[in-house]
């Protein structure tokens, strides 16, 4: 059986058609009723002949590969999205790689088992990590359903999401900053090593709230006076970052390095920063914590709107995630 519905929105007419045979339901959208009727007749025949959905013919890995070419390729985070899809595909559920399963075999029960094993396996991850992967899976399945017509429905709809981990509230003490700078060999003198450049990058991040990737990709031509221009940021927008006197002093310690101001890649920064933490015997600190520290410090000097503009937050609620002032300091400001 099939049903048809005509929708008109913003001057555009579409025909929505739904077919159901037994427990199998599928839907699609077409520009004309004739196209919708032809599709419905074909799908009803296929379903009755035993080809309930194309989900029997395509595996999750095939869906990942097509998604990579048609969707991920247009995203700034393409590389990391591909890494995540490959990791999901290799994960075993009931002794079988998730990627090798036909799409229709990836049921809510299977995804629930995958979720639980991610959070309680040999290398457990947080609920936030699982939810990010679930969001990616959800978009892959919805694309396979709505655009490719590979499946009739998406299984992620009925999978319980784990609780998000509590937001980080890690502050960085002056003592830790001094120990890290010592471990990286920086002593307020012109930088001659990549380790020294990492130390300056860390201090610069605390002054500006810039992310590691933004700092490492900063080009000399994008620093003019007291402003650093970021032509592309994580959220896909450009941003101008005001530079304090201290931030400009830090830049002056760096030697000319060609394409970028700091002359280090994100991977180099990460590796050297981790080694320095170990030498300085500092636990529980990430480079990104510098953004928390910077926003908390900047909040004492800027209004909420000024701060949001500087750090690139379009949603003011995001600032609450990064603002980590202690109750003791707030109490002192009340006196």
Protein backbone atom coordinates (compact mmCIF):
# COMPACT_ATOMS: atom_id res chain seq x y z
CA UNK A 1 0.00 0.00 0.00
CA UNK A 2 1.18 3.54 -0.71
CA UNK A 3 0.13 7.02 0.42
CA UNK A 4 0.97 10.36 -1.20
CA UNK A 5 1.10 13.86 0.25
CA UNK A 6 1.69 17.13 -1.59
CA UNK A 7 3.78 19.75 0.23
CA UNK A 8 4.33 23.33 -0.89
CA UNK A 9 7.03 25.34 0.86
CA UNK A 10 8.61 28.60 -0.33
CA UNK A 11 7.11 28.15 -3.75
CA UNK A 12 8.52 24.63 -4.18
CA UNK A 13 6.24 21.63 -4.54
CA UNK A 14 7.28 18.14 -3.46
CA UNK A 15 5.44 14.83 -3.23
CA UNK A 16 6.05 12.68 -0.18
CA UNK A 17 5.26 9.01 -0.61
CA UNK A 18 5.19 6.22 1.93
CA UNK A 19 4.89 2.52 1.17
CA UNK A 20 4.29 -0.31 3.62
CA UNK A 21 4.09 -4.02 3.12
CA UNK A 22 3.60 -6.00 6.30
CA UNK A 23 6.04 -4.59 8.87
CA UNK A 24 8.24 -2.90 6.26
CA UNK A 25 7.79 0.85 5.82
CA UNK A 26 9.74 3.15 3.52
CA UNK A 27 9.33 6.78 2.47
CA UNK A 28 10.81 9.13 -0.11
CA UNK A 29 10.32 12.58 -1.66
CA UNK A 30 9.96 13.47 -5.35
CA UNK A 31 9.25 16.55 -7.44
CA UNK A 32 6.25 15.01 -9.25
CA UNK A 33 3.49 12.62 -8.26
CA UNK A 34 4.29 10.43 -11.28
CA UNK A 35 7.84 9.86 -10.04
CA UNK A 36 6.53 9.12 -6.56
CA UNK A 37 4.01 6.60 -7.89
CA UNK A 38 6.62 4.85 -10.03
CA UNK A 39 8.99 4.54 -7.08
CA UNK A 40 6.21 3.24 -4.81
CA UNK A 41 5.18 0.56 -7.33
CA UNK A 42 8.78 -0.61 -7.75
CA UNK A 43 9.49 -0.73 -4.02
CA UNK A 44 6.30 -2.62 -3.23
CA UNK A 45 7.28 -5.24 -5.80
CA UNK A 46 10.82 -5.53 -4.44
CA UNK A 47 9.57 -5.87 -0.88
CA UNK A 48 7.08 -8.58 -1.76
CA UNK A 49 9.79 -10.45 -3.67
CA UNK A 50 11.86 -10.62 -0.51
CA UNK A 51 14.21 -7.69 -1.07
CA UNK A 52 12.83 -5.83 1.91
CA UNK A 53 15.45 -3.10 1.81
CA UNK A 54 18.72 -2.39 0.16
CA UNK A 55 20.20 -2.67 3.62
CA UNK A 56 20.80 -6.34 2.86
CA UNK A 57 23.05 -5.44 -0.05
CA UNK A 58 25.20 -2.75 1.52
CA UNK A 59 27.43 -2.99 4.58
CA UNK A 60 28.14 -0.28 7.11
CA UNK A 61 31.68 0.00 5.73
CA UNK A 62 30.28 0.66 2.25
CA UNK A 63 28.11 3.38 3.75
CA UNK A 64 31.17 4.89 5.45
CA UNK A 65 33.11 4.92 2.16
CA UNK A 66 30.30 6.65 0.27
CA UNK A 67 29.74 9.10 3.13
CA UNK A 68 33.46 9.90 3.09
CA UNK A 69 33.34 10.83 -0.62
CA UNK A 70 30.04 12.68 -0.65
CA UNK A 71 29.80 14.28 2.79
CA UNK A 72 33.07 14.21 4.75
CA UNK A 73 35.00 15.54 1.76
CA UNK A 74 33.25 18.89 2.20
CA UNK A 75 34.09 19.27 5.90
CA UNK A 76 37.13 20.88 7.50
CA UNK A 77 37.40 17.93 9.88
CA UNK A 78 37.42 15.33 7.09
CA UNK A 79 40.60 13.59 8.24
CA UNK A 80 39.41 13.04 11.81
CA UNK A 81 35.95 11.97 10.66
CA UNK A 82 37.51 9.28 8.47
CA UNK A 83 39.68 8.11 11.37
CA UNK A 84 36.59 7.79 13.57
CA UNK A 85 34.61 5.89 10.93
CA UNK A 86 37.47 3.45 10.42
CA UNK A 87 37.71 2.86 14.17
CA UNK A 88 33.97 2.25 14.42
CA UNK A 89 34.10 -0.18 11.48
CA UNK A 90 36.88 -2.22 13.15
CA UNK A 91 35.08 -2.51 16.49
CA UNK A 92 33.78 -6.02 17.10
CA UNK A 93 30.25 -6.75 18.29
CA UNK A 94 29.41 -10.39 18.97
CA UNK A 95 32.70 -11.39 17.35
CA UNK A 96 32.03 -9.54 14.07
CA UNK A 97 33.48 -6.26 12.80
CA UNK A 98 30.73 -3.65 12.83
CA UNK A 99 31.78 -2.46 9.37
CA UNK A 100 31.27 -5.90 7.80
CA UNK A 101 27.62 -6.07 8.88
CA UNK A 102 24.82 -5.39 6.37
CA UNK A 103 23.11 -2.11 7.23
CA UNK A 104 19.86 -3.79 8.21
CA UNK A 105 21.80 -6.03 10.62
CA UNK A 106 23.05 -2.97 12.53
CA UNK A 107 20.05 -2.86 14.85
CA UNK A 108 19.52 -0.75 17.98
CA UNK A 109 20.51 -3.85 19.98
CA UNK A 110 23.82 -4.10 18.10
CA UNK A 111 24.54 -0.40 18.57
CA UNK A 112 23.65 -0.70 22.25
CA UNK A 113 26.21 -3.51 22.62
CA UNK A 114 28.76 -1.38 20.75
CA UNK A 115 28.06 1.57 23.08
CA UNK A 116 28.47 -0.55 26.22
CA UNK A 117 31.69 -2.19 25.04
CA UNK A 118 33.19 1.21 24.19
CA UNK A 119 32.54 2.43 27.72
CA UNK A 120 33.62 -0.70 29.60
CA UNK A 121 36.23 -2.40 27.39
CA UNK A 122 40.00 -2.63 27.73
CA UNK A 123 40.32 1.06 26.82
CA UNK A 124 37.08 2.65 28.04
CA UNK A 125 36.08 6.04 26.71
CA UNK A 126 33.80 8.72 28.12
CA UNK A 127 30.14 9.19 27.39
CA UNK A 128 31.02 12.37 25.49
CA UNK A 129 33.26 10.40 23.13
CA UNK A 130 30.57 7.79 22.51
CA UNK A 131 27.99 10.52 21.86
CA UNK A 132 30.24 12.18 19.28
CA UNK A 133 30.57 8.86 17.47
CA UNK A 134 26.82 8.30 17.81
CA UNK A 135 26.18 11.68 16.18
CA UNK A 136 28.40 10.68 13.27
CA UNK A 137 26.69 7.29 12.96
CA UNK A 138 23.28 8.94 13.10
CA UNK A 139 24.13 11.22 10.17
CA UNK A 140 25.55 8.34 8.14
CA UNK A 141 22.38 6.31 8.66
CA UNK A 142 20.04 9.23 7.99
CA UNK A 143 21.93 10.00 4.77
CA UNK A 144 21.69 6.34 3.75
CA UNK A 145 17.96 6.47 4.43
CA UNK A 146 16.96 9.83 3.00
CA UNK A 147 19.36 10.36 0.11
CA UNK A 148 20.60 6.94 -0.97
CA UNK A 149 17.43 4.96 -0.14
CA UNK A 150 19.60 2.12 1.20
CA UNK A 151 17.53 1.59 4.36
CA UNK A 152 13.97 2.25 5.46
CA UNK A 153 14.79 3.68 8.89
CA UNK A 154 17.78 4.60 11.01
CA UNK A 155 18.61 2.39 14.03
CA UNK A 156 20.27 5.18 16.02
CA UNK A 157 16.88 6.72 16.86
CA UNK A 158 16.15 4.04 19.44
CA UNK A 159 19.57 3.80 21.07
CA UNK A 160 20.04 5.29 24.53
CA UNK A 161 22.74 7.92 24.71
CA UNK A 162 25.18 7.83 27.64
CA UNK A 163 25.46 10.77 30.00
CA UNK A 164 27.92 13.45 29.02
CA UNK A 165 31.03 13.72 31.16
CA UNK A 166 31.20 16.72 33.45
CA UNK A 167 32.80 19.75 31.85
CA UNK A 168 36.49 20.19 32.65
CA UNK A 169 37.27 22.79 35.27
CA UNK A 170 41.06 22.45 35.29
CA UNK A 171 42.87 25.66 36.17
CA UNK A 172 46.59 26.17 35.56
CA UNK A 173 48.65 27.48 38.44
CA UNK A 174 51.57 29.89 38.08
CA UNK A 175 53.82 27.19 39.50
CA UNK A 176 52.77 24.77 36.76
CA UNK A 177 53.38 27.43 34.12
CA UNK A 178 56.89 28.03 35.47
CA UNK A 179 57.67 24.29 35.59
CA UNK A 180 56.46 23.75 32.04
CA UNK A 181 58.50 26.68 30.71
CA UNK A 182 61.58 25.31 32.49
CA UNK A 183 60.97 21.82 31.07
CA UNK A 184 60.65 23.33 27.58
CA UNK A 185 63.80 25.42 27.98
CA UNK A 186 62.15 28.84 27.76
CA UNK A 187 63.42 31.66 29.98
CA UNK A 188 62.07 34.87 28.41
CA UNK A 189 64.86 34.91 25.82
CA UNK A 190 64.72 34.65 22.01
CA UNK A 191 63.60 31.16 21.02
CA UNK A 192 66.08 28.85 19.30
CA UNK A 193 64.38 25.45 19.60
CA UNK A 194 60.99 23.93 18.80
CA UNK A 195 60.53 23.21 22.50
CA UNK A 196 60.96 26.90 23.19
CA UNK A 197 58.35 27.66 20.52
CA UNK A 198 55.93 25.28 22.27
CA UNK A 199 56.46 27.15 25.55
CA UNK A 200 55.72 30.48 23.83
CA UNK A 201 52.65 28.92 22.18
CA UNK A 202 51.40 27.78 25.59
CA UNK A 203 51.86 31.22 27.14
CA UNK A 204 50.34 32.84 24.04
CA UNK A 205 47.29 30.57 24.33
CA UNK A 206 46.76 31.68 27.93
CA UNK A 207 46.85 35.30 26.76
CA UNK A 208 44.57 34.92 23.74
CA UNK A 209 42.36 31.81 24.29
CA UNK A 210 43.39 30.65 20.81
CA UNK A 211 43.26 26.91 20.11
CA UNK A 212 46.40 24.90 19.36
CA UNK A 213 45.47 24.50 15.69
CA UNK A 214 44.82 28.23 15.33
CA UNK A 215 48.17 29.07 16.90
CA UNK A 216 50.15 26.60 14.80
CA UNK A 217 48.55 27.79 11.55
CA UNK A 218 48.92 31.50 12.29
CA UNK A 219 50.69 33.13 9.32
CA UNK A 220 53.01 36.15 9.68
CA UNK A 221 50.89 38.14 7.25
CA UNK A 222 47.86 37.69 9.49
CA UNK A 223 49.40 39.50 12.45
CA UNK A 224 49.01 43.26 12.16
CA UNK A 225 49.84 45.41 15.17
CA UNK A 226 47.63 44.31 18.05
CA UNK A 227 45.39 41.98 16.01
CA UNK A 228 45.79 38.40 14.83
CA UNK A 229 43.48 37.56 11.93
CA UNK A 230 42.27 33.96 11.71
CA UNK A 231 40.81 33.41 8.21
CA UNK A 232 39.34 30.03 9.20
CA UNK A 233 38.56 28.62 12.62
CA UNK A 234 37.06 25.44 14.05
CA UNK A 235 33.49 26.64 13.57
CA UNK A 236 34.16 27.57 9.94
CA UNK A 237 34.20 31.34 10.55
CA UNK A 238 36.97 33.91 10.41
CA UNK A 239 37.91 35.75 13.59
CA UNK A 240 40.08 38.68 14.64
CA UNK A 241 41.83 38.18 17.98
CA UNK A 242 43.02 41.24 19.93
CA UNK A 243 46.55 40.82 21.26
CA UNK A 244 47.54 42.10 24.68
CA UNK A 245 50.89 43.72 25.33
CA UNK A 246 52.10 40.41 26.80
CA UNK A 247 50.91 38.49 23.73
CA UNK A 248 52.89 40.84 21.45
CA UNK A 249 55.96 40.45 23.67
CA UNK A 250 55.74 36.66 23.32
CA UNK A 251 55.59 36.88 19.52
CA UNK A 252 58.76 38.98 19.56
CA UNK A 253 60.66 36.02 21.07
CA UNK A 254 60.03 33.92 17.94
CA UNK A 255 62.48 33.89 15.02
CA UNK A 256 61.23 34.31 11.45
CA UNK A 257 60.05 30.85 10.40
CA UNK A 258 58.55 31.19 6.94
CA UNK A 259 54.95 30.09 6.44
CA UNK A 260 53.82 30.20 10.07
CA UNK A 261 54.63 32.42 13.03
CA UNK A 262 55.47 29.62 15.47
CA UNK A 263 57.13 27.24 12.98
CA UNK A 264 55.64 24.10 14.55
CA UNK A 265 52.87 21.74 13.55
CA UNK A 266 49.99 20.71 15.80
CA UNK A 267 51.42 17.19 16.09
CA UNK A 268 54.84 18.51 17.10
CA UNK A 269 53.28 20.82 19.67
CA UNK A 270 51.27 17.95 21.13
CA UNK A 271 54.26 15.58 21.33
CA UNK A 272 56.64 18.10 22.90
CA UNK A 273 54.00 19.37 25.31
CA UNK A 274 53.29 15.84 26.56
CA UNK A 275 56.99 15.15 27.12
CA UNK A 276 57.42 18.43 28.98
CA UNK A 277 54.47 17.61 31.25
CA UNK A 278 56.12 14.31 32.16
CA UNK A 279 59.44 16.01 32.95
CA UNK A 280 57.66 18.68 34.99
CA UNK A 281 55.67 15.98 36.82
CA UNK A 282 52.33 17.62 36.03
CA UNK A 283 49.26 15.39 35.85
CA UNK A 284 45.80 15.94 34.40
CA UNK A 285 46.69 18.87 32.15
CA UNK A 286 46.07 19.25 28.42
CA UNK A 287 47.14 22.06 26.12
CA UNK A 288 43.46 22.87 25.54
CA UNK A 289 43.15 23.67 29.25
CA UNK A 290 44.95 26.88 28.36
CA UNK A 291 41.71 28.00 26.68
CA UNK A 292 39.80 27.47 29.95
CA UNK A 293 42.48 29.40 31.82
CA UNK A 294 42.52 32.23 29.29
CA UNK A 295 38.74 32.69 29.23
CA UNK A 296 38.59 32.69 33.03
CA UNK A 297 41.29 35.39 33.18
CA UNK A 298 39.84 37.44 30.32
CA UNK A 299 36.40 37.43 31.98
CA UNK A 300 37.85 39.77 34.60
CA UNK A 301 38.67 42.35 31.91
CA UNK A 302 35.99 42.02 29.22
CA UNK A 303 32.22 42.04 29.09
CA UNK A 304 30.43 38.84 28.14
CA UNK A 305 29.80 40.04 24.57
CA UNK A 306 33.39 41.24 24.18
CA UNK A 307 34.71 37.92 25.47
CA UNK A 308 32.42 35.88 23.18
CA UNK A 309 33.57 37.91 20.18
CA UNK A 310 37.24 37.46 21.08
CA UNK A 311 37.11 33.69 21.58
CA UNK A 312 34.67 32.97 18.76
CA UNK A 313 31.62 31.71 20.67
CA UNK A 314 28.31 32.46 18.95
CA UNK A 315 26.38 30.87 21.81
CA UNK A 316 26.97 32.68 25.09
CA UNK A 317 26.15 29.51 27.03
CA UNK A 318 29.39 28.03 25.67
CA UNK A 319 31.33 30.46 27.82
CA UNK A 320 30.03 28.71 30.94
CA UNK A 321 31.88 25.56 29.87
CA UNK A 322 35.19 27.42 29.80
CA UNK A 323 34.73 29.90 32.63
CA UNK A 324 36.22 28.19 35.68
CA UNK A 325 36.78 30.88 38.30
CA UNK A 326 37.06 29.45 41.82
CA UNK A 327 34.50 30.25 44.50
CA UNK A 328 37.31 31.62 46.68
CA UNK A 329 38.30 34.19 44.06
CA UNK A 330 34.69 35.17 43.48
CA UNK A 331 34.26 35.64 47.24
CA UNK A 332 37.34 37.88 47.37
CA UNK A 333 35.84 40.10 44.66
CA UNK A 334 32.70 40.55 46.73
CA UNK A 335 34.60 42.11 49.66
